[in-house]
Amino acid sequence: MTTISNLPAIFVPLVG
């Protein structure tokens, strides 16, 4: 699994 690619994937909509 790509954790590095998953982190920003859920962080962008969460913060934005």
PDB file of N, CA and C in Angstrom:
ATOM      1  N   MET A   1       0.856  -1.223   0.000  1.00  0.00           N
ATOM      2  CA  MET A   1       0.000   0.000   0.000  1.00  0.00           C
ATOM      3  C   MET A   1       0.880   1.257   0.000  1.00  0.00           C
ATOM      4  N   THR A   2       0.387   2.283  -0.658  1.00  0.00           N
ATOM      5  CA  THR A   2       1.156   3.536  -0.724  1.00  0.00           C
ATOM      6  C   THR A   2       0.656   4.519   0.331  1.00  0.00           C
ATOM      7  N   THR A   3       1.250   4.407   1.513  1.00  0.00           N
ATOM      8  CA  THR A   3       0.825   5.270   2.621  1.00  0.00           C
ATOM      9  C   THR A   3       1.155   6.732   2.327  1.00  0.00           C
ATOM     10  N   ILE A   4       2.325   6.941   1.696  1.00  0.00           N
ATOM     11  CA  ILE A   4       2.764   8.303   1.374  1.00  0.00           C
ATOM     12  C   ILE A   4       1.778   8.968   0.407  1.00  0.00           C
ATOM     13  N   SER A   5       1.191   8.152  -0.461  1.00  0.00           N
ATOM     14  CA  SER A   5       0.256   8.698  -1.449  1.00  0.00           C
ATOM     15  C   SER A   5      -1.159   8.758  -0.883  1.00  0.00           C
ATOM     16  N   ASN A   6      -1.379   8.012   0.192  1.00  0.00           N
ATOM     17  CA  ASN A   6      -2.704   7.973   0.809  1.00  0.00           C
ATOM     18  C   ASN A   6      -2.886   9.100   1.821  1.00  0.00           C
ATOM     19  N   LEU A   7      -1.799   9.431   2.496  1.00  0.00           N
ATOM     20  CA  LEU A   7      -1.846  10.485   3.500  1.00  0.00           C
ATOM     21  C   LEU A   7      -2.349  11.810   2.934  1.00  0.00           C
ATOM     22  N   PRO A   8      -1.693  12.343   1.893  1.00  0.00           N
ATOM     23  CA  PRO A   8      -2.143  13.606   1.288  1.00  0.00           C
ATOM     24  C   PRO A   8      -3.517  13.497   0.658  1.00  0.00           C
ATOM     25  N   ALA A   9      -3.866  12.280   0.260  1.00  0.00           N
ATOM     26  CA  ALA A   9      -5.157  12.053  -0.396  1.00  0.00           C
ATOM     27  C   ALA A   9      -6.306  12.325   0.568  1.00  0.00           C
ATOM     28  N   ILE A  10      -6.077  12.116   1.875  1.00  0.00           N
ATOM     29  CA  ILE A  10      -7.133  12.336   2.868  1.00  0.00           C
ATOM     30  C   ILE A  10      -6.875  13.612   3.664  1.00  0.00           C
ATOM     31  N   PHE A  11      -5.636  14.132   3.559  1.00  0.00           N
ATOM     32  CA  PHE A  11      -5.272  15.343   4.282  1.00  0.00           C
ATOM     33  C   PHE A  11      -5.708  16.596   3.539  1.00  0.00           C
ATOM     34  N   VAL A  12      -5.668  16.534   2.207  1.00  0.00           N
ATOM     35  CA  VAL A  12      -6.040  17.684   1.382  1.00  0.00           C
ATOM     36  C   VAL A  12      -7.506  18.068   1.594  1.00  0.00           C
ATOM     37  N   PRO A  13      -8.443  17.122   1.443  1.00  0.00           N
ATOM     38  CA  PRO A  13      -9.869  17.429   1.632  1.00  0.00           C
ATOM     39  C   PRO A  13     -10.207  17.705   3.091  1.00  0.00           C
ATOM     40  N   LEU A  14      -9.414  17.151   4.000  1.00  0.00           N
ATOM     41  CA  LEU A  14      -9.673  17.321   5.430  1.00  0.00           C
ATOM     42  C   LEU A  14      -9.315  18.738   5.884  1.00  0.00           C
ATOM     43  N   VAL A  15      -8.164  19.222   5.393  1.00  0.00           N
ATOM     44  CA  VAL A  15      -7.718  20.567   5.778  1.00  0.00           C
ATOM     45  C   VAL A  15      -8.354  21.621   4.882  1.00  0.00           C
ATOM     46  N   GLY A  16      -8.447  21.292   3.603  1.00  0.00           N
ATOM     47  CA  GLY A  16      -8.970  22.253   2.627  1.00  0.00           C
ATOM     48  C   GLY A  16     -10.463  22.385   2.794  1.00  0.00           C
TER      49      GLY A  16
END
